[in-house]
Amino acid sequence: MHTMGKPIGIEIKSMAIPMVKSPSAFLGFEPVFTTAIRREFISHAKIPLVSEKNAAMVLIVNVRKIWTEPLTYRITKTKVSGNNTYYEVTNSRWIRAKIKAKLVNRTTGEVVWEDNSINERTTYTLTSNPPDPILDRYNKKEAVRRIAEQIAKRLYLKTMERF
């Protein structure tokens, strides 16, 4: 376990956390993830965060994929032209993220640690009767923020409590 914000098993004099990258299909999530990760290190680590060109270590994070899946739904029956029609209405969704990250010694290029399979998930609710797209977008955005915070904690622990 790390003591007083200092890493175990490695010396980190300074660190950079550049903007998180993601495929173009997921644009817009990068600032949320970057802010969460930086905030986690700033609030717990006693390591100066500096620009990449001045950093001893660089934490490189990439969002590989973000997607949603139905979690709960209900079946609704409606009469269309005298015939019963049934359709599913989603009440809540999973949002999942796959991340890859690595800590690199900027001077030597050595990869200190690397993890290509960081997965997190959370849920969010959808409105109905009537649907509210603005509230649904807000709920999804909050779910992304929660995932970013979970990932930030994992990256912090992976960096600070390696051994």
C-alpha atoms as a PDB file:
ATOM      1  CA  MET A   1       0.000   0.000   0.000  1.00  0.00           C
ATOM      2  CA  HIS A   2       1.290   3.466  -0.828  1.00  0.00           C
ATOM      3  CA  THR A   3       2.070   5.840   1.960  1.00  0.00           C
ATOM      4  CA  MET A   4       1.271   9.527   1.921  1.00  0.00           C
ATOM      5  CA  GLY A   5       0.706   9.699  -1.845  1.00  0.00           C
ATOM      6  CA  LYS A   6       4.044   8.171  -2.808  1.00  0.00           C
ATOM      7  CA  PRO A   7       4.287   5.204  -5.186  1.00  0.00           C
ATOM      8  CA  ILE A   8       5.592   1.822  -4.082  1.00  0.00           C
ATOM      9  CA  GLY A   9       8.322   0.071  -6.048  1.00  0.00           C
ATOM     10  CA  ILE A  10       9.106   3.000  -8.318  1.00  0.00           C
ATOM     11  CA  GLU A  11      10.190   6.593  -8.048  1.00  0.00           C
ATOM     12  CA  ILE A  12       8.039   9.096  -9.928  1.00  0.00           C
ATOM     13  CA  LYS A  13       9.495  12.604  -9.722  1.00  0.00           C
ATOM     14  CA  SER A  14       6.894  14.129 -12.026  1.00  0.00           C
ATOM     15  CA  MET A  15       4.134  12.928 -14.275  1.00  0.00           C
ATOM     16  CA  ALA A  16       2.117  14.056 -17.281  1.00  0.00           C
ATOM     17  CA  ILE A  17      -1.403  12.949 -18.062  1.00  0.00           C
ATOM     18  CA  PRO A  18      -2.062  14.053 -21.638  1.00  0.00           C
ATOM     19  CA  MET A  19      -5.587  14.301 -23.070  1.00  0.00           C
ATOM     20  CA  VAL A  20      -7.190  10.862 -23.262  1.00  0.00           C
ATOM     21  CA  LYS A  21      -7.514   9.672 -26.856  1.00  0.00           C
ATOM     22  CA  SER A  22     -10.404   7.777 -28.418  1.00  0.00           C
ATOM     23  CA  PRO A  23     -11.531   6.597 -31.846  1.00  0.00           C
ATOM     24  CA  SER A  24     -13.471   9.254 -33.762  1.00  0.00           C
ATOM     25  CA  ALA A  25     -16.723   7.357 -33.129  1.00  0.00           C
ATOM     26  CA  PHE A  26     -16.460   8.229 -29.428  1.00  0.00           C
ATOM     27  CA  LEU A  27     -15.407  11.876 -29.610  1.00  0.00           C
ATOM     28  CA  GLY A  28     -16.555  14.028 -26.733  1.00  0.00           C
ATOM     29  CA  PHE A  29     -15.668  11.647 -23.911  1.00  0.00           C
ATOM     30  CA  GLU A  30     -11.970  12.580 -23.816  1.00  0.00           C
ATOM     31  CA  PRO A  31     -12.233  15.636 -21.518  1.00  0.00           C
ATOM     32  CA  VAL A  32     -14.431  13.721 -19.048  1.00  0.00           C
ATOM     33  CA  PHE A  33     -11.879  10.899 -18.749  1.00  0.00           C
ATOM     34  CA  THR A  34      -8.864  13.247 -18.716  1.00  0.00           C
ATOM     35  CA  THR A  35     -10.360  15.432 -15.967  1.00  0.00           C
ATOM     36  CA  ALA A  36     -11.312  12.438 -13.806  1.00  0.00           C
ATOM     37  CA  ILE A  37      -7.833  10.873 -14.087  1.00  0.00           C
ATOM     38  CA  ARG A  38      -5.997  14.131 -13.391  1.00  0.00           C
ATOM     39  CA  ARG A  39      -8.303  14.892 -10.448  1.00  0.00           C
ATOM     40  CA  GLU A  40      -7.630  11.436  -8.937  1.00  0.00           C
ATOM     41  CA  PHE A  41      -3.846  11.953  -9.060  1.00  0.00           C
ATOM     42  CA  ILE A  42      -3.987  15.583  -7.902  1.00  0.00           C
ATOM     43  CA  SER A  43      -6.155  14.746  -4.892  1.00  0.00           C
ATOM     44  CA  HIS A  44      -4.199  11.681  -3.711  1.00  0.00           C
ATOM     45  CA  ALA A  45      -0.655  11.635  -5.091  1.00  0.00           C
ATOM     46  CA  LYS A  46       2.232  13.782  -3.989  1.00  0.00           C
ATOM     47  CA  ILE A  47       3.616  13.764  -7.518  1.00  0.00           C
ATOM     48  CA  PRO A  48       3.768  17.008  -9.491  1.00  0.00           C
ATOM     49  CA  LEU A  49       1.666  16.927 -12.674  1.00  0.00           C
ATOM     50  CA  VAL A  50       3.582  18.752 -15.379  1.00  0.00           C
ATOM     51  CA  SER A  51       3.598  19.110 -19.160  1.00  0.00           C
ATOM     52  CA  GLU A  52       4.577  16.052 -21.159  1.00  0.00           C
ATOM     53  CA  LYS A  53       7.920  17.519 -22.267  1.00  0.00           C
ATOM     54  CA  ASN A  54       8.909  18.149 -18.606  1.00  0.00           C
ATOM     55  CA  ALA A  55       7.576  14.892 -17.126  1.00  0.00           C
ATOM     56  CA  ALA A  56       9.615  11.950 -15.894  1.00  0.00           C
ATOM     57  CA  MET A  57       6.640   9.625 -16.481  1.00  0.00           C
ATOM     58  CA  VAL A  58       3.699   9.867 -18.869  1.00  0.00           C
ATOM     59  CA  LEU A  59       0.360   8.129 -18.332  1.00  0.00           C
ATOM     60  CA  ILE A  60      -1.110   7.420 -21.775  1.00  0.00           C
ATOM     61  CA  VAL A  61      -4.788   6.469 -21.825  1.00  0.00           C
ATOM     62  CA  ASN A  62      -6.923   5.457 -24.796  1.00  0.00           C
ATOM     63  CA  VAL A  63     -10.638   4.750 -24.870  1.00  0.00           C
ATOM     64  CA  ARG A  64     -10.900   1.694 -27.099  1.00  0.00           C
ATOM     65  CA  LYS A  65     -14.685   1.460 -27.107  1.00  0.00           C
ATOM     66  CA  ILE A  66     -17.784   2.859 -25.378  1.00  0.00           C
ATOM     67  CA  TRP A  67     -21.160   1.282 -25.991  1.00  0.00           C
ATOM     68  CA  THR A  68     -24.588   0.864 -24.468  1.00  0.00           C
ATOM     69  CA  GLU A  69     -26.843  -2.169 -24.102  1.00  0.00           C
ATOM     70  CA  PRO A  70     -30.397  -2.534 -22.790  1.00  0.00           C
ATOM     71  CA  LEU A  71     -30.566  -3.515 -19.119  1.00  0.00           C
ATOM     72  CA  THR A  72     -34.298  -3.491 -18.419  1.00  0.00           C
ATOM     73  CA  TYR A  73     -37.251  -3.029 -20.674  1.00  0.00           C
ATOM     74  CA  ARG A  74     -40.979  -3.495 -20.765  1.00  0.00           C
ATOM     75  CA  ILE A  75     -43.261  -4.766 -23.515  1.00  0.00           C
ATOM     76  CA  THR A  76     -45.919  -2.323 -24.671  1.00  0.00           C
ATOM     77  CA  LYS A  77     -49.023  -3.307 -26.659  1.00  0.00           C
ATOM     78  CA  THR A  78     -50.554  -0.895 -29.152  1.00  0.00           C
ATOM     79  CA  LYS A  79     -53.340  -1.344 -31.699  1.00  0.00           C
ATOM     80  CA  VAL A  80     -52.238  -0.448 -35.201  1.00  0.00           C
ATOM     81  CA  SER A  81     -54.932  -0.722 -37.915  1.00  0.00           C
ATOM     82  CA  GLY A  82     -56.965  -3.010 -35.638  1.00  0.00           C
ATOM     83  CA  ASN A  83     -54.033  -5.368 -34.988  1.00  0.00           C
ATOM     84  CA  ASN A  84     -52.121  -5.657 -31.736  1.00  0.00           C
ATOM     85  CA  THR A  85     -48.504  -4.591 -32.082  1.00  0.00           C
ATOM     86  CA  TYR A  86     -45.969  -5.261 -29.330  1.00  0.00           C
ATOM     87  CA  TYR A  87     -42.737  -3.374 -28.897  1.00  0.00           C
ATOM     88  CA  GLU A  88     -40.008  -3.117 -26.294  1.00  0.00           C
ATOM     89  CA  VAL A  89     -39.365   0.101 -24.397  1.00  0.00           C
ATOM     90  CA  THR A  90     -35.975   0.304 -22.713  1.00  0.00           C
ATOM     91  CA  ASN A  91     -36.140   1.583 -19.116  1.00  0.00           C
ATOM     92  CA  SER A  92     -32.426   1.493 -18.351  1.00  0.00           C
ATOM     93  CA  ARG A  93     -29.187   0.769 -20.156  1.00  0.00           C
ATOM     94  CA  TRP A  94     -25.709  -0.455 -19.397  1.00  0.00           C
ATOM     95  CA  ILE A  95     -22.928   1.795 -20.565  1.00  0.00           C
ATOM     96  CA  ARG A  96     -19.606   0.024 -20.914  1.00  0.00           C
ATOM     97  CA  ALA A  97     -16.097   1.245 -21.643  1.00  0.00           C
ATOM     98  CA  LYS A  98     -12.916  -0.549 -22.689  1.00  0.00           C
ATOM     99  CA  ILE A  99      -9.716   1.346 -22.000  1.00  0.00           C
ATOM    100  CA  LYS A 100      -6.043   0.739 -22.570  1.00  0.00           C
ATOM    101  CA  ALA A 101      -3.395   2.576 -20.606  1.00  0.00           C
ATOM    102  CA  LYS A 102       0.322   2.576 -19.972  1.00  0.00           C
ATOM    103  CA  LEU A 103       2.808   4.398 -17.815  1.00  0.00           C
ATOM    104  CA  VAL A 104       5.950   5.268 -19.770  1.00  0.00           C
ATOM    105  CA  ASN A 105       9.308   6.560 -18.582  1.00  0.00           C
ATOM    106  CA  ARG A 106       9.597   9.553 -20.903  1.00  0.00           C
ATOM    107  CA  THR A 107      13.413   9.640 -20.808  1.00  0.00           C
ATOM    108  CA  THR A 108      14.091   5.964 -21.574  1.00  0.00           C
ATOM    109  CA  GLY A 109      10.850   5.040 -23.356  1.00  0.00           C
ATOM    110  CA  GLU A 110      10.517   2.059 -20.990  1.00  0.00           C
ATOM    111  CA  VAL A 111       6.940   0.930 -20.369  1.00  0.00           C
ATOM    112  CA  VAL A 112       6.593   0.725 -16.572  1.00  0.00           C
ATOM    113  CA  TRP A 113       3.183  -0.932 -16.761  1.00  0.00           C
ATOM    114  CA  GLU A 114       0.613  -1.505 -19.482  1.00  0.00           C
ATOM    115  CA  ASP A 115      -2.958  -2.795 -19.414  1.00  0.00           C
ATOM    116  CA  ASN A 116      -4.927  -3.190 -22.639  1.00  0.00           C
ATOM    117  CA  SER A 117      -8.080  -4.605 -21.063  1.00  0.00           C
ATOM    118  CA  ILE A 118      -9.450  -2.177 -18.486  1.00  0.00           C
ATOM    119  CA  ASN A 119     -13.230  -2.589 -18.497  1.00  0.00           C
ATOM    120  CA  GLU A 120     -15.828  -0.667 -16.519  1.00  0.00           C
ATOM    121  CA  ARG A 121     -19.586  -0.432 -16.661  1.00  0.00           C
ATOM    122  CA  THR A 122     -22.472   1.307 -14.990  1.00  0.00           C
ATOM    123  CA  THR A 123     -26.164   1.856 -15.631  1.00  0.00           C
ATOM    124  CA  TYR A 124     -28.395   4.798 -16.346  1.00  0.00           C
ATOM    125  CA  THR A 125     -32.147   5.217 -16.623  1.00  0.00           C
ATOM    126  CA  LEU A 126     -34.204   6.366 -19.573  1.00  0.00           C
ATOM    127  CA  THR A 127     -37.353   8.403 -19.331  1.00  0.00           C
ATOM    128  CA  SER A 128     -40.700   7.368 -20.794  1.00  0.00           C
ATOM    129  CA  ASN A 129     -44.303   8.631 -20.825  1.00  0.00           C
ATOM    130  CA  PRO A 130     -43.239  10.998 -22.336  1.00  0.00           C
ATOM    131  CA  PRO A 131     -39.569  10.446 -23.198  1.00  0.00           C
ATOM    132  CA  ASP A 132     -37.280  13.334 -22.312  1.00  0.00           C
ATOM    133  CA  PRO A 133     -34.226  13.250 -24.612  1.00  0.00           C
ATOM    134  CA  ILE A 134     -32.480  16.037 -22.678  1.00  0.00           C
ATOM    135  CA  LEU A 135     -32.781  14.166 -19.371  1.00  0.00           C
ATOM    136  CA  ASP A 136     -31.756  10.909 -21.078  1.00  0.00           C
ATOM    137  CA  ARG A 137     -28.621  12.607 -22.479  1.00  0.00           C
ATOM    138  CA  TYR A 138     -27.840  14.027 -19.033  1.00  0.00           C
ATOM    139  CA  ASN A 139     -28.227  10.577 -17.403  1.00  0.00           C
ATOM    140  CA  LYS A 140     -25.903   9.054 -20.015  1.00  0.00           C
ATOM    141  CA  LYS A 141     -23.340  11.834 -19.509  1.00  0.00           C
ATOM    142  CA  GLU A 142     -23.417  11.248 -15.728  1.00  0.00           C
ATOM    143  CA  ALA A 143     -22.921   7.519 -16.315  1.00  0.00           C
ATOM    144  CA  VAL A 144     -19.850   8.263 -18.465  1.00  0.00           C
ATOM    145  CA  ARG A 145     -18.513  10.490 -15.659  1.00  0.00           C
ATOM    146  CA  ARG A 146     -18.984   7.645 -13.138  1.00  0.00           C
ATOM    147  CA  ILE A 147     -17.123   5.229 -15.427  1.00  0.00           C
ATOM    148  CA  ALA A 148     -14.317   7.776 -15.866  1.00  0.00           C
ATOM    149  CA  GLU A 149     -14.009   8.097 -12.071  1.00  0.00           C
ATOM    150  CA  GLN A 150     -13.910   4.304 -11.631  1.00  0.00           C
ATOM    151  CA  ILE A 151     -11.193   4.031 -14.274  1.00  0.00           C
ATOM    152  CA  ALA A 152      -9.256   6.919 -12.709  1.00  0.00           C
ATOM    153  CA  LYS A 153      -9.187   5.066  -9.366  1.00  0.00           C
ATOM    154  CA  ARG A 154      -7.936   1.896 -11.080  1.00  0.00           C
ATOM    155  CA  LEU A 155      -5.184   3.777 -12.933  1.00  0.00           C
ATOM    156  CA  TYR A 156      -4.123   5.520  -9.734  1.00  0.00           C
ATOM    157  CA  LEU A 157      -3.899   2.210  -7.849  1.00  0.00           C
ATOM    158  CA  LYS A 158      -2.083   0.529 -10.742  1.00  0.00           C
ATOM    159  CA  THR A 159       0.493   3.336 -10.736  1.00  0.00           C
ATOM    160  CA  MET A 160       0.883   3.810  -6.984  1.00  0.00           C
ATOM    161  CA  GLU A 161       0.404   0.281  -5.586  1.00  0.00           C
ATOM    162  CA  ARG A 162       2.181  -1.835  -8.121  1.00  0.00           C
ATOM    163  CA  PHE A 163       3.914  -4.292  -5.806  1.00  0.00           C
END
